[in-house]
Amino acid sequence: MHEELKKVITQAMNTRFDFERQLIQRAFEDENFKQELLNNPKAVYARESGEELPKNIEVEVLQENASKVYLVIPTNPTPAITDEEELSEEALETVAGGLLGCKLKSVIRNANNLA
């Protein structure tokens, strides 16, 4: 079961990163979209993902420049997971990064039900 959860977590993170890559590519191609993303990132993220984001989730967009690079390290949900337990609501939020959460939570819950 633990390996199945790791697989689902990896899939969820890849889905999130793919979505973010699409937003970045669109921002490169469309200056108006980029400005909207910089000015109102939560609304754009919610609209583009088709998911309403929880009120306690913040979205921040940082634009790199020639002298500053950002490296984002997501929260690691796996230390709290054992073979015998299901993911807590907090861990589910962590896996989804609070974003794209509804769809990813149901996938993870389904994996938990396989036990």
PDB file of N, CA and C in Angstrom:
ATOM      1  N   MET A   1       0.824  -1.199   0.000  1.00  0.00           N
ATOM      2  CA  MET A   1       0.000   0.000   0.000  1.00  0.00           C
ATOM      3  C   MET A   1       0.866   1.260   0.000  1.00  0.00           C
ATOM      4  N   HIS A   2       1.934   1.240   0.791  1.00  0.00           N
ATOM      5  CA  HIS A   2       2.811   2.404   0.875  1.00  0.00           C
ATOM      6  C   HIS A   2       3.373   2.768  -0.507  1.00  0.00           C
ATOM      7  N   GLU A   3       3.768   1.776  -1.275  1.00  0.00           N
ATOM      8  CA  GLU A   3       4.298   2.031  -2.614  1.00  0.00           C
ATOM      9  C   GLU A   3       3.226   2.607  -3.534  1.00  0.00           C
ATOM     10  N   GLU A   4       1.988   2.133  -3.392  1.00  0.00           N
ATOM     11  CA  GLU A   4       0.881   2.666  -4.189  1.00  0.00           C
ATOM     12  C   GLU A   4       0.661   4.145  -3.857  1.00  0.00           C
ATOM     13  N   LEU A   5       0.719   4.503  -2.574  1.00  0.00           N
ATOM     14  CA  LEU A   5       0.568   5.906  -2.185  1.00  0.00           C
ATOM     15  C   LEU A   5       1.699   6.754  -2.740  1.00  0.00           C
ATOM     16  N   LYS A   6       2.917   6.255  -2.694  1.00  0.00           N
ATOM     17  CA  LYS A   6       4.041   6.996  -3.266  1.00  0.00           C
ATOM     18  C   LYS A   6       3.813   7.248  -4.756  1.00  0.00           C
ATOM     19  N   LYS A   7       3.305   6.236  -5.439  1.00  0.00           N
ATOM     20  CA  LYS A   7       3.028   6.373  -6.866  1.00  0.00           C
ATOM     21  C   LYS A   7       1.967   7.443  -7.107  1.00  0.00           C
ATOM     22  N   VAL A   8       0.908   7.441  -6.307  1.00  0.00           N
ATOM     23  CA  VAL A   8      -0.160   8.426  -6.452  1.00  0.00           C
ATOM     24  C   VAL A   8       0.362   9.825  -6.136  1.00  0.00           C
ATOM     25  N   ILE A   9       1.180   9.943  -5.098  1.00  0.00           N
ATOM     26  CA  ILE A   9       1.759  11.242  -4.742  1.00  0.00           C
ATOM     27  C   ILE A   9       2.627  11.764  -5.876  1.00  0.00           C
ATOM     28  N   THR A  10       3.463  10.907  -6.430  1.00  0.00           N
ATOM     29  CA  THR A  10       4.318  11.309  -7.549  1.00  0.00           C
ATOM     30  C   THR A  10       3.480  11.760  -8.736  1.00  0.00           C
ATOM     31  N   GLN A  11       2.429  11.018  -9.024  1.00  0.00           N
ATOM     32  CA  GLN A  11       1.535  11.372 -10.126  1.00  0.00           C
ATOM     33  C   GLN A  11       0.872  12.736  -9.864  1.00  0.00           C
ATOM     34  N   ALA A  12       0.439  12.961  -8.625  1.00  0.00           N
ATOM     35  CA  ALA A  12      -0.202  14.231  -8.279  1.00  0.00           C
ATOM     36  C   ALA A  12       0.779  15.392  -8.443  1.00  0.00           C
ATOM     37  N   MET A  13       2.000  15.204  -7.978  1.00  0.00           N
ATOM     38  CA  MET A  13       2.996  16.268  -8.099  1.00  0.00           C
ATOM     39  C   MET A  13       3.322  16.533  -9.572  1.00  0.00           C
ATOM     40  N   ASN A  14       3.436  15.484 -10.367  1.00  0.00           N
ATOM     41  CA  ASN A  14       3.703  15.663 -11.791  1.00  0.00           C
ATOM     42  C   ASN A  14       2.569  16.408 -12.475  1.00  0.00           C
ATOM     43  N   THR A  15       1.333  16.099 -12.101  1.00  0.00           N
ATOM     44  CA  THR A  15       0.177  16.798 -12.656  1.00  0.00           C
ATOM     45  C   THR A  15       0.254  18.289 -12.329  1.00  0.00           C
ATOM     46  N   ARG A  16       0.578  18.594 -11.079  1.00  0.00           N
ATOM     47  CA  ARG A  16       0.699  19.990 -10.668  1.00  0.00           C
ATOM     48  C   ARG A  16       1.805  20.697 -11.452  1.00  0.00           C
ATOM     49  N   PHE A  17       2.977  20.054 -11.563  1.00  0.00           N
ATOM     50  CA  PHE A  17       4.088  20.680 -12.276  1.00  0.00           C
ATOM     51  C   PHE A  17       3.778  20.860 -13.757  1.00  0.00           C
ATOM     52  N   ASP A  18       3.105  19.900 -14.362  1.00  0.00           N
ATOM     53  CA  ASP A  18       2.709  20.040 -15.771  1.00  0.00           C
ATOM     54  C   ASP A  18       1.767  21.216 -15.957  1.00  0.00           C
ATOM     55  N   PHE A  19       0.807  21.361 -15.037  1.00  0.00           N
ATOM     56  CA  PHE A  19      -0.135  22.481 -15.105  1.00  0.00           C
ATOM     57  C   PHE A  19       0.610  23.806 -14.972  1.00  0.00           C
ATOM     58  N   GLU A  20       1.525  23.877 -14.016  1.00  0.00           N
ATOM     59  CA  GLU A  20       2.291  25.110 -13.819  1.00  0.00           C
ATOM     60  C   GLU A  20       3.166  25.420 -15.032  1.00  0.00           C
ATOM     61  N   ARG A  21       3.727  24.396 -15.648  1.00  0.00           N
ATOM     62  CA  ARG A  21       4.521  24.590 -16.867  1.00  0.00           C
ATOM     63  C   ARG A  21       3.662  25.196 -17.978  1.00  0.00           C
ATOM     64  N   GLN A  22       2.410  24.745 -18.073  1.00  0.00           N
ATOM     65  CA  GLN A  22       1.501  25.294 -19.081  1.00  0.00           C
ATOM     66  C   GLN A  22       1.221  26.768 -18.815  1.00  0.00           C
ATOM     67  N   LEU A  23       1.030  27.130 -17.544  1.00  0.00           N
ATOM     68  CA  LEU A  23       0.807  28.539 -17.205  1.00  0.00           C
ATOM     69  C   LEU A  23       2.020  29.384 -17.582  1.00  0.00           C
ATOM     70  N   ILE A  24       3.203  28.870 -17.290  1.00  0.00           N
ATOM     71  CA  ILE A  24       4.438  29.601 -17.606  1.00  0.00           C
ATOM     72  C   ILE A  24       4.571  29.782 -19.115  1.00  0.00           C
ATOM     73  N   GLN A  25       4.330  28.728 -19.874  1.00  0.00           N
ATOM     74  CA  GLN A  25       4.438  28.818 -21.330  1.00  0.00           C
ATOM     75  C   GLN A  25       3.456  29.853 -21.878  1.00  0.00           C
ATOM     76  N   ARG A  26       2.238  29.840 -21.353  1.00  0.00           N
ATOM     77  CA  ARG A  26       1.243  30.817 -21.816  1.00  0.00           C
ATOM     78  C   ARG A  26       1.668  32.242 -21.467  1.00  0.00           C
ATOM     79  N   ALA A  27       2.261  32.409 -20.280  1.00  0.00           N
ATOM     80  CA  ALA A  27       2.745  33.735 -19.869  1.00  0.00           C
ATOM     81  C   ALA A  27       3.865  34.220 -20.787  1.00  0.00           C
ATOM     82  N   PHE A  28       4.709  33.303 -21.271  1.00  0.00           N
ATOM     83  CA  PHE A  28       5.758  33.675 -22.230  1.00  0.00           C
ATOM     84  C   PHE A  28       5.163  34.157 -23.543  1.00  0.00           C
ATOM     85  N   GLU A  29       4.064  33.565 -23.939  1.00  0.00           N
ATOM     86  CA  GLU A  29       3.470  33.836 -25.243  1.00  0.00           C
ATOM     87  C   GLU A  29       2.454  34.977 -25.235  1.00  0.00           C
ATOM     88  N   ASP A  30       1.902  35.310 -24.064  1.00  0.00           N
ATOM     89  CA  ASP A  30       0.807  36.282 -23.987  1.00  0.00           C
ATOM     90  C   ASP A  30       1.076  37.259 -22.840  1.00  0.00           C
ATOM     91  N   GLU A  31       1.488  38.450 -23.175  1.00  0.00           N
ATOM     92  CA  GLU A  31       1.847  39.453 -22.162  1.00  0.00           C
ATOM     93  C   GLU A  31       0.659  39.825 -21.281  1.00  0.00           C
ATOM     94  N   ASN A  32      -0.539  39.907 -21.856  1.00  0.00           N
ATOM     95  CA  ASN A  32      -1.723  40.228 -21.050  1.00  0.00           C
ATOM     96  C   ASN A  32      -1.994  39.137 -20.015  1.00  0.00           C
ATOM     97  N   PHE A  33      -1.862  37.880 -20.430  1.00  0.00           N
ATOM     98  CA  PHE A  33      -2.047  36.767 -19.496  1.00  0.00           C
ATOM     99  C   PHE A  33      -0.992  36.832 -18.396  1.00  0.00           C
ATOM    100  N   LYS A  34       0.242  37.107 -18.771  1.00  0.00           N
ATOM    101  CA  LYS A  34       1.328  37.211 -17.787  1.00  0.00           C
ATOM    102  C   LYS A  34       1.030  38.290 -16.754  1.00  0.00           C
ATOM    103  N   GLN A  35       0.570  39.437 -17.195  1.00  0.00           N
ATOM    104  CA  GLN A  35       0.255  40.527 -16.257  1.00  0.00           C
ATOM    105  C   GLN A  35      -0.909  40.134 -15.347  1.00  0.00           C
ATOM    106  N   GLU A  36      -1.908  39.483 -15.901  1.00  0.00           N
ATOM    107  CA  GLU A  36      -3.030  39.022 -15.081  1.00  0.00           C
ATOM    108  C   GLU A  36      -2.554  37.999 -14.049  1.00  0.00           C
ATOM    109  N   LEU A  37      -1.675  37.087 -14.471  1.00  0.00           N
ATOM    110  CA  LEU A  37      -1.126  36.082 -13.565  1.00  0.00           C
ATOM    111  C   LEU A  37      -0.309  36.729 -12.455  1.00  0.00           C
ATOM    112  N   LEU A  38       0.469  37.744 -12.781  1.00  0.00           N
ATOM    113  CA  LEU A  38       1.266  38.451 -11.771  1.00  0.00           C
ATOM    114  C   LEU A  38       0.382  39.254 -10.811  1.00  0.00           C
ATOM    115  N   ASN A  39      -0.687  39.853 -11.339  1.00  0.00           N
ATOM    116  CA  ASN A  39      -1.538  40.727 -10.532  1.00  0.00           C
ATOM    117  C   ASN A  39      -2.593  39.994  -9.714  1.00  0.00           C
ATOM    118  N   ASN A  40      -3.079  38.875 -10.215  1.00  0.00           N
ATOM    119  CA  ASN A  40      -4.148  38.151  -9.524  1.00  0.00           C
ATOM    120  C   ASN A  40      -3.949  36.638  -9.703  1.00  0.00           C
ATOM    121  N   PRO A  41      -2.858  36.101  -9.148  1.00  0.00           N
ATOM    122  CA  PRO A  41      -2.503  34.709  -9.415  1.00  0.00           C
ATOM    123  C   PRO A  41      -3.525  33.681  -8.932  1.00  0.00           C
ATOM    124  N   LYS A  42      -4.160  33.913  -7.804  1.00  0.00           N
ATOM    125  CA  LYS A  42      -5.115  32.936  -7.284  1.00  0.00           C
ATOM    126  C   LYS A  42      -6.320  32.809  -8.210  1.00  0.00           C
ATOM    127  N   ALA A  43      -6.820  33.924  -8.685  1.00  0.00           N
ATOM    128  CA  ALA A  43      -7.975  33.895  -9.582  1.00  0.00           C
ATOM    129  C   ALA A  43      -7.627  33.226 -10.912  1.00  0.00           C
ATOM    130  N   VAL A  44      -6.460  33.534 -11.443  1.00  0.00           N
ATOM    131  CA  VAL A  44      -6.039  32.930 -12.703  1.00  0.00           C
ATOM    132  C   VAL A  44      -5.827  31.433 -12.526  1.00  0.00           C
ATOM    133  N   TYR A  45      -5.156  31.047 -11.442  1.00  0.00           N
ATOM    134  CA  TYR A  45      -4.905  29.629 -11.178  1.00  0.00           C
ATOM    135  C   TYR A  45      -6.222  28.869 -11.057  1.00  0.00           C
ATOM    136  N   ALA A  46      -7.168  29.445 -10.326  1.00  0.00           N
ATOM    137  CA  ALA A  46      -8.475  28.799 -10.147  1.00  0.00           C
ATOM    138  C   ALA A  46      -9.215  28.697 -11.485  1.00  0.00           C
ATOM    139  N   ARG A  47      -9.219  29.768 -12.230  1.00  0.00           N
ATOM    140  CA  ARG A  47      -9.925  29.770 -13.521  1.00  0.00           C
ATOM    141  C   ARG A  47      -9.319  28.756 -14.490  1.00  0.00           C
ATOM    142  N   GLU A  48      -8.010  28.746 -14.584  1.00  0.00           N
ATOM    143  CA  GLU A  48      -7.344  27.871 -15.542  1.00  0.00           C
ATOM    144  C   GLU A  48      -7.394  26.402 -15.132  1.00  0.00           C
ATOM    145  N   SER A  49      -7.441  26.132 -13.828  1.00  0.00           N
ATOM    146  CA  SER A  49      -7.511  24.746 -13.358  1.00  0.00           C
ATOM    147  C   SER A  49      -8.947  24.235 -13.326  1.00  0.00           C
ATOM    148  N   GLY A  50      -9.909  25.181 -13.304  1.00  0.00           N
ATOM    149  CA  GLY A  50     -11.301  24.786 -13.196  1.00  0.00           C
ATOM    150  C   GLY A  50     -11.687  24.369 -11.793  1.00  0.00           C
ATOM    151  N   GLU A  51     -10.844  24.670 -10.813  1.00  0.00           N
ATOM    152  CA  GLU A  51     -11.089  24.297  -9.425  1.00  0.00           C
ATOM    153  C   GLU A  51     -11.170  25.545  -8.554  1.00  0.00           C
ATOM    154  N   GLU A  52     -12.129  25.563  -7.657  1.00  0.00           N
ATOM    155  CA  GLU A  52     -12.191  26.643  -6.678  1.00  0.00           C
ATOM    156  C   GLU A  52     -11.154  26.347  -5.602  1.00  0.00           C
ATOM    157  N   LEU A  53     -10.310  27.310  -5.330  1.00  0.00           N
ATOM    158  CA  LEU A  53      -9.253  27.104  -4.344  1.00  0.00           C
ATOM    159  C   LEU A  53      -9.760  27.431  -2.946  1.00  0.00           C
ATOM    160  N   PRO A  54      -9.332  26.676  -1.949  1.00  0.00           N
ATOM    161  CA  PRO A  54      -9.728  26.977  -0.570  1.00  0.00           C
ATOM    162  C   PRO A  54      -9.288  28.384  -0.170  1.00  0.00           C
ATOM    163  N   LYS A  55     -10.058  28.998   0.709  1.00  0.00           N
ATOM    164  CA  LYS A  55      -9.757  30.373   1.142  1.00  0.00           C
ATOM    165  C   LYS A  55      -8.404  30.482   1.827  1.00  0.00           C
ATOM    166  N   ASN A  56      -7.964  29.404   2.473  1.00  0.00           N
ATOM    167  CA  ASN A  56      -6.697  29.464   3.214  1.00  0.00           C
ATOM    168  C   ASN A  56      -5.474  29.244   2.324  1.00  0.00           C
ATOM    169  N   ILE A  57      -5.672  29.052   1.028  1.00  0.00           N
ATOM    170  CA  ILE A  57      -4.563  28.854   0.102  1.00  0.00           C
ATOM    171  C   ILE A  57      -4.213  30.176  -0.563  1.00  0.00           C
ATOM    172  N   GLU A  58      -2.935  30.501  -0.538  1.00  0.00           N
ATOM    173  CA  GLU A  58      -2.423  31.677  -1.228  1.00  0.00           C
ATOM    174  C   GLU A  58      -1.640  31.216  -2.447  1.00  0.00           C
ATOM    175  N   VAL A  59      -1.677  31.999  -3.493  1.00  0.00           N
ATOM    176  CA  VAL A  59      -0.876  31.721  -4.681  1.00  0.00           C
ATOM    177  C   VAL A  59      -0.007  32.948  -4.921  1.00  0.00           C
ATOM    178  N   GLU A  60       1.282  32.719  -5.011  1.00  0.00           N
ATOM    179  CA  GLU A  60       2.213  33.815  -5.256  1.00  0.00           C
ATOM    180  C   GLU A  60       3.000  33.509  -6.517  1.00  0.00           C
ATOM    181  N   VAL A  61       3.107  34.470  -7.395  1.00  0.00           N
ATOM    182  CA  VAL A  61       3.885  34.325  -8.621  1.00  0.00           C
ATOM    183  C   VAL A  61       5.108  35.226  -8.497  1.00  0.00           C
ATOM    184  N   LEU A  62       6.257  34.628  -8.700  1.00  0.00           N
ATOM    185  CA  LEU A  62       7.519  35.359  -8.667  1.00  0.00           C
ATOM    186  C   LEU A  62       8.152  35.288 -10.044  1.00  0.00           C
ATOM    187  N   GLN A  63       8.606  36.414 -10.522  1.00  0.00           N
ATOM    188  CA  GLN A  63       9.245  36.431 -11.833  1.00  0.00           C
ATOM    189  C   GLN A  63      10.751  36.545 -11.642  1.00  0.00           C
ATOM    190  N   GLU A  64      11.468  35.566 -12.176  1.00  0.00           N
ATOM    191  CA  GLU A  64      12.923  35.588 -12.093  1.00  0.00           C
ATOM    192  C   GLU A  64      13.477  36.681 -12.999  1.00  0.00           C
ATOM    193  N   ASN A  65      14.704  37.093 -12.712  1.00  0.00           N
ATOM    194  CA  ASN A  65      15.394  38.029 -13.587  1.00  0.00           C
ATOM    195  C   ASN A  65      16.841  37.557 -13.738  1.00  0.00           C
ATOM    196  N   ALA A  66      17.653  38.345 -14.392  1.00  0.00           N
ATOM    197  CA  ALA A  66      19.028  37.928 -14.693  1.00  0.00           C
ATOM    198  C   ALA A  66      19.861  37.671 -13.438  1.00  0.00           C
ATOM    199  N   SER A  67      19.497  38.292 -12.317  1.00  0.00           N
ATOM    200  CA  SER A  67      20.324  38.143 -11.116  1.00  0.00           C
ATOM    201  C   SER A  67      19.638  37.389  -9.976  1.00  0.00           C
ATOM    202  N   LYS A  68      18.422  36.892 -10.213  1.00  0.00           N
ATOM    203  CA  LYS A  68      17.713  36.191  -9.146  1.00  0.00           C
ATOM    204  C   LYS A  68      16.968  34.983  -9.708  1.00  0.00           C
ATOM    205  N   VAL A  69      17.236  33.816  -9.087  1.00  0.00           N
ATOM    206  CA  VAL A  69      16.601  32.562  -9.476  1.00  0.00           C
ATOM    207  C   VAL A  69      15.901  32.001  -8.249  1.00  0.00           C
ATOM    208  N   TYR A  70      14.709  31.437  -8.432  1.00  0.00           N
ATOM    209  CA  TYR A  70      13.942  30.862  -7.335  1.00  0.00           C
ATOM    210  C   TYR A  70      13.907  29.337  -7.476  1.00  0.00           C
ATOM    211  N   LEU A  71      14.050  28.664  -6.369  1.00  0.00           N
ATOM    212  CA  LEU A  71      13.897  27.219  -6.302  1.00  0.00           C
ATOM    213  C   LEU A  71      12.827  26.940  -5.266  1.00  0.00           C
ATOM    214  N   VAL A  72      11.738  26.276  -5.687  1.00  0.00           N
ATOM    215  CA  VAL A  72      10.624  25.987  -4.793  1.00  0.00           C
ATOM    216  C   VAL A  72      10.715  24.528  -4.367  1.00  0.00           C
ATOM    217  N   ILE A  73      10.746  24.305  -3.068  1.00  0.00           N
ATOM    218  CA  ILE A  73      10.745  22.956  -2.521  1.00  0.00           C
ATOM    219  C   ILE A  73       9.370  22.724  -1.906  1.00  0.00           C
ATOM    220  N   PRO A  74       8.542  21.867  -2.527  1.00  0.00           N
ATOM    221  CA  PRO A  74       7.209  21.613  -1.979  1.00  0.00           C
ATOM    222  C   PRO A  74       7.294  20.885  -0.637  1.00  0.00           C
ATOM    223  N   THR A  75       6.223  20.958   0.128  1.00  0.00           N
ATOM    224  CA  THR A  75       6.133  20.211   1.373  1.00  0.00           C
ATOM    225  C   THR A  75       6.159  18.728   1.048  1.00  0.00           C
ATOM    226  N   ASN A  76       6.899  17.957   1.836  1.00  0.00           N
ATOM    227  CA  ASN A  76       7.018  16.516   1.621  1.00  0.00           C
ATOM    228  C   ASN A  76       5.986  15.790   2.469  1.00  0.00           C
ATOM    229  N   PRO A  77       4.961  15.180   1.851  1.00  0.00           N
ATOM    230  CA  PRO A  77       3.928  14.507   2.631  1.00  0.00           C
ATOM    231  C   PRO A  77       4.304  13.099   3.073  1.00  0.00           C
ATOM    232  N   THR A  78       5.320  12.492   2.473  1.00  0.00           N
ATOM    233  CA  THR A  78       5.585  11.079   2.718  1.00  0.00           C
ATOM    234  C   THR A  78       6.101  10.727   4.104  1.00  0.00           C
ATOM    235  N   PRO A  79       6.809  11.565   4.854  1.00  0.00           N
ATOM    236  CA  PRO A  79       7.258  11.132   6.174  1.00  0.00           C
ATOM    237  C   PRO A  79       6.116  10.776   7.121  1.00  0.00           C
ATOM    238  N   ALA A  80       4.944  11.344   6.901  1.00  0.00           N
ATOM    239  CA  ALA A  80       3.810  11.096   7.791  1.00  0.00           C
ATOM    240  C   ALA A  80       3.004   9.872   7.392  1.00  0.00           C
ATOM    241  N   ILE A  81       3.394   9.172   6.344  1.00  0.00           N
ATOM    242  CA  ILE A  81       2.618   8.048   5.843  1.00  0.00           C
ATOM    243  C   ILE A  81       3.245   6.737   6.296  1.00  0.00           C
ATOM    244  N   THR A  82       2.421   5.856   6.826  1.00  0.00           N
ATOM    245  CA  THR A  82       2.874   4.493   7.125  1.00  0.00           C
ATOM    246  C   THR A  82       2.020   3.539   6.314  1.00  0.00           C
ATOM    247  N   ASP A  83       2.426   2.273   6.283  1.00  0.00           N
ATOM    248  CA  ASP A  83       1.681   1.286   5.502  1.00  0.00           C
ATOM    249  C   ASP A  83       0.268   1.075   6.030  1.00  0.00           C
ATOM    250  N   GLU A  84       0.046   1.311   7.323  1.00  0.00           N
ATOM    251  CA  GLU A  84      -1.237   0.998   7.925  1.00  0.00           C
ATOM    252  C   GLU A  84      -2.227   2.151   7.946  1.00  0.00           C
ATOM    253  N   GLU A  85      -1.772   3.349   7.718  1.00  0.00           N
ATOM    254  CA  GLU A  85      -2.681   4.477   7.876  1.00  0.00           C
ATOM    255  C   GLU A  85      -3.012   5.150   6.553  1.00  0.00           C
ATOM    256  N   GLU A  86      -4.160   5.823   6.557  1.00  0.00           N
ATOM    257  CA  GLU A  86      -4.564   6.607   5.404  1.00  0.00           C
ATOM    258  C   GLU A  86      -3.979   7.998   5.530  1.00  0.00           C
ATOM    259  N   LEU A  87      -3.960   8.725   4.420  1.00  0.00           N
ATOM    260  CA  LEU A  87      -3.508  10.105   4.460  1.00  0.00           C
ATOM    261  C   LEU A  87      -4.532  10.958   5.193  1.00  0.00           C
ATOM    262  N   SER A  88      -4.034  11.850   6.042  1.00  0.00           N
ATOM    263  CA  SER A  88      -4.914  12.788   6.721  1.00  0.00           C
ATOM    264  C   SER A  88      -5.354  13.854   5.724  1.00  0.00           C
ATOM    265  N   GLU A  89      -6.360  14.639   6.121  1.00  0.00           N
ATOM    266  CA  GLU A  89      -6.794  15.746   5.259  1.00  0.00           C
ATOM    267  C   GLU A  89      -5.626  16.701   5.006  1.00  0.00           C
ATOM    268  N   GLU A  90      -4.807  16.944   6.039  1.00  0.00           N
ATOM    269  CA  GLU A  90      -3.652  17.835   5.885  1.00  0.00           C
ATOM    270  C   GLU A  90      -2.656  17.269   4.880  1.00  0.00           C
ATOM    271  N   ALA A  91      -2.412  15.953   4.963  1.00  0.00           N
ATOM    272  CA  ALA A  91      -1.488  15.329   4.020  1.00  0.00           C
ATOM    273  C   ALA A  91      -2.044  15.380   2.607  1.00  0.00           C
ATOM    274  N   LEU A  92      -3.360  15.196   2.468  1.00  0.00           N
ATOM    275  CA  LEU A  92      -3.975  15.296   1.141  1.00  0.00           C
ATOM    276  C   LEU A  92      -3.789  16.687   0.563  1.00  0.00           C
ATOM    277  N   GLU A  93      -3.953  17.704   1.395  1.00  0.00           N
ATOM    278  CA  GLU A  93      -3.740  19.087   0.950  1.00  0.00           C
ATOM    279  C   GLU A  93      -2.293  19.291   0.541  1.00  0.00           C
ATOM    280  N   THR A  94      -1.379  18.699   1.301  1.00  0.00           N
ATOM    281  CA  THR A  94       0.038  18.839   1.009  1.00  0.00           C
ATOM    282  C   THR A  94       0.374  18.210  -0.332  1.00  0.00           C
ATOM    283  N   VAL A  95      -0.126  17.004  -0.563  1.00  0.00           N
ATOM    284  CA  VAL A  95       0.126  16.310  -1.822  1.00  0.00           C
ATOM    285  C   VAL A  95      -0.323  17.160  -2.987  1.00  0.00           C
ATOM    286  N   ALA A  96      -1.488  17.739  -2.868  1.00  0.00           N
ATOM    287  CA  ALA A  96      -2.030  18.557  -3.948  1.00  0.00           C
ATOM    288  C   ALA A  96      -1.464  19.963  -3.919  1.00  0.00           C
ATOM    289  N   GLY A  97      -0.665  20.260  -2.921  1.00  0.00           N
ATOM    290  CA  GLY A  97      -0.136  21.606  -2.804  1.00  0.00           C
ATOM    291  C   GLY A  97      -1.233  22.606  -2.565  1.00  0.00           C
ATOM    292  N   GLY A  98      -2.392  22.117  -2.120  1.00  0.00           N
ATOM    293  CA  GLY A  98      -3.532  22.984  -1.919  1.00  0.00           C
ATOM    294  C   GLY A  98      -4.183  23.394  -3.227  1.00  0.00           C
ATOM    295  N   LEU A  99      -3.590  22.981  -4.325  1.00  0.00           N
ATOM    296  CA  LEU A  99      -4.051  23.388  -5.634  1.00  0.00           C
ATOM    297  C   LEU A  99      -4.388  22.153  -6.450  1.00  0.00           C
ATOM    298  N   LEU A 100      -5.374  22.254  -7.257  1.00  0.00           N
ATOM    299  CA  LEU A 100      -5.857  21.108  -8.014  1.00  0.00           C
ATOM    300  C   LEU A 100      -6.263  19.990  -7.071  1.00  0.00           C
ATOM    301  N   GLY A 101      -6.596  20.368  -5.854  1.00  0.00           N
ATOM    302  CA  GLY A 101      -6.809  19.423  -4.779  1.00  0.00           C
ATOM    303  C   GLY A 101      -7.996  18.506  -4.917  1.00  0.00           C
ATOM    304  N   CYS A 102      -9.112  18.981  -5.361  1.00  0.00           N
ATOM    305  CA  CYS A 102     -10.317  18.146  -5.384  1.00  0.00           C
ATOM    306  C   CYS A 102     -10.121  16.895  -6.215  1.00  0.00           C
ATOM    307  N   LYS A 103      -9.604  17.035  -7.404  1.00  0.00           N
ATOM    308  CA  LYS A 103      -9.412  15.882  -8.277  1.00  0.00           C
ATOM    309  C   LYS A 103      -8.355  14.947  -7.700  1.00  0.00           C
ATOM    310  N   LEU A 104      -7.255  15.510  -7.201  1.00  0.00           N
ATOM    311  CA  LEU A 104      -6.173  14.688  -6.690  1.00  0.00           C
ATOM    312  C   LEU A 104      -6.562  13.993  -5.394  1.00  0.00           C
ATOM    313  N   LYS A 105      -7.342  14.651  -4.548  1.00  0.00           N
ATOM    314  CA  LYS A 105      -7.785  14.024  -3.305  1.00  0.00           C
ATOM    315  C   LYS A 105      -8.585  12.768  -3.584  1.00  0.00           C
ATOM    316  N   SER A 106      -9.468  12.822  -4.576  1.00  0.00           N
ATOM    317  CA  SER A 106     -10.292  11.648  -4.859  1.00  0.00           C
ATOM    318  C   SER A 106      -9.433  10.498  -5.362  1.00  0.00           C
ATOM    319  N   VAL A 107      -8.394  10.778  -6.142  1.00  0.00           N
ATOM    320  CA  VAL A 107      -7.489   9.723  -6.601  1.00  0.00           C
ATOM    321  C   VAL A 107      -6.785   9.087  -5.413  1.00  0.00           C
ATOM    322  N   ILE A 108      -6.318   9.899  -4.482  1.00  0.00           N
ATOM    323  CA  ILE A 108      -5.595   9.380  -3.318  1.00  0.00           C
ATOM    324  C   ILE A 108      -6.543   8.616  -2.405  1.00  0.00           C
ATOM    325  N   ARG A 109      -7.738   9.124  -2.207  1.00  0.00           N
ATOM    326  CA  ARG A 109      -8.710   8.396  -1.378  1.00  0.00           C
ATOM    327  C   ARG A 109      -9.012   7.029  -1.983  1.00  0.00           C
ATOM    328  N   ASN A 110      -9.129   6.976  -3.302  1.00  0.00           N
ATOM    329  CA  ASN A 110      -9.357   5.693  -3.970  1.00  0.00           C
ATOM    330  C   ASN A 110      -8.204   4.747  -3.719  1.00  0.00           C
ATOM    331  N   ALA A 111      -6.982   5.260  -3.724  1.00  0.00           N
ATOM    332  CA  ALA A 111      -5.816   4.426  -3.445  1.00  0.00           C
ATOM    333  C   ALA A 111      -5.860   3.924  -2.009  1.00  0.00           C
ATOM    334  N   ASN A 112      -6.301   4.785  -1.082  1.00  0.00           N
ATOM    335  CA  ASN A 112      -6.413   4.378   0.321  1.00  0.00           C
ATOM    336  C   ASN A 112      -7.426   3.250   0.479  1.00  0.00           C
ATOM    337  N   ASN A 113      -8.472   3.286  -0.319  1.00  0.00           N
ATOM    338  CA  ASN A 113      -9.518   2.263  -0.225  1.00  0.00           C
ATOM    339  C   ASN A 113      -9.072   0.913  -0.768  1.00  0.00           C
ATOM    340  N   LEU A 114      -7.938   0.884  -1.463  1.00  0.00           N
ATOM    341  CA  LEU A 114      -7.425  -0.376  -1.968  1.00  0.00           C
ATOM    342  C   LEU A 114      -6.849  -1.248  -0.864  1.00  0.00           C
ATOM    343  N   ALA A 115      -6.541  -0.644   0.265  1.00  0.00           N
ATOM    344  CA  ALA A 115      -5.908  -1.380   1.364  1.00  0.00           C
ATOM    345  C   ALA A 115      -6.843  -2.418   1.948  1.00  0.00           C
TER     346      ALA A 115
END
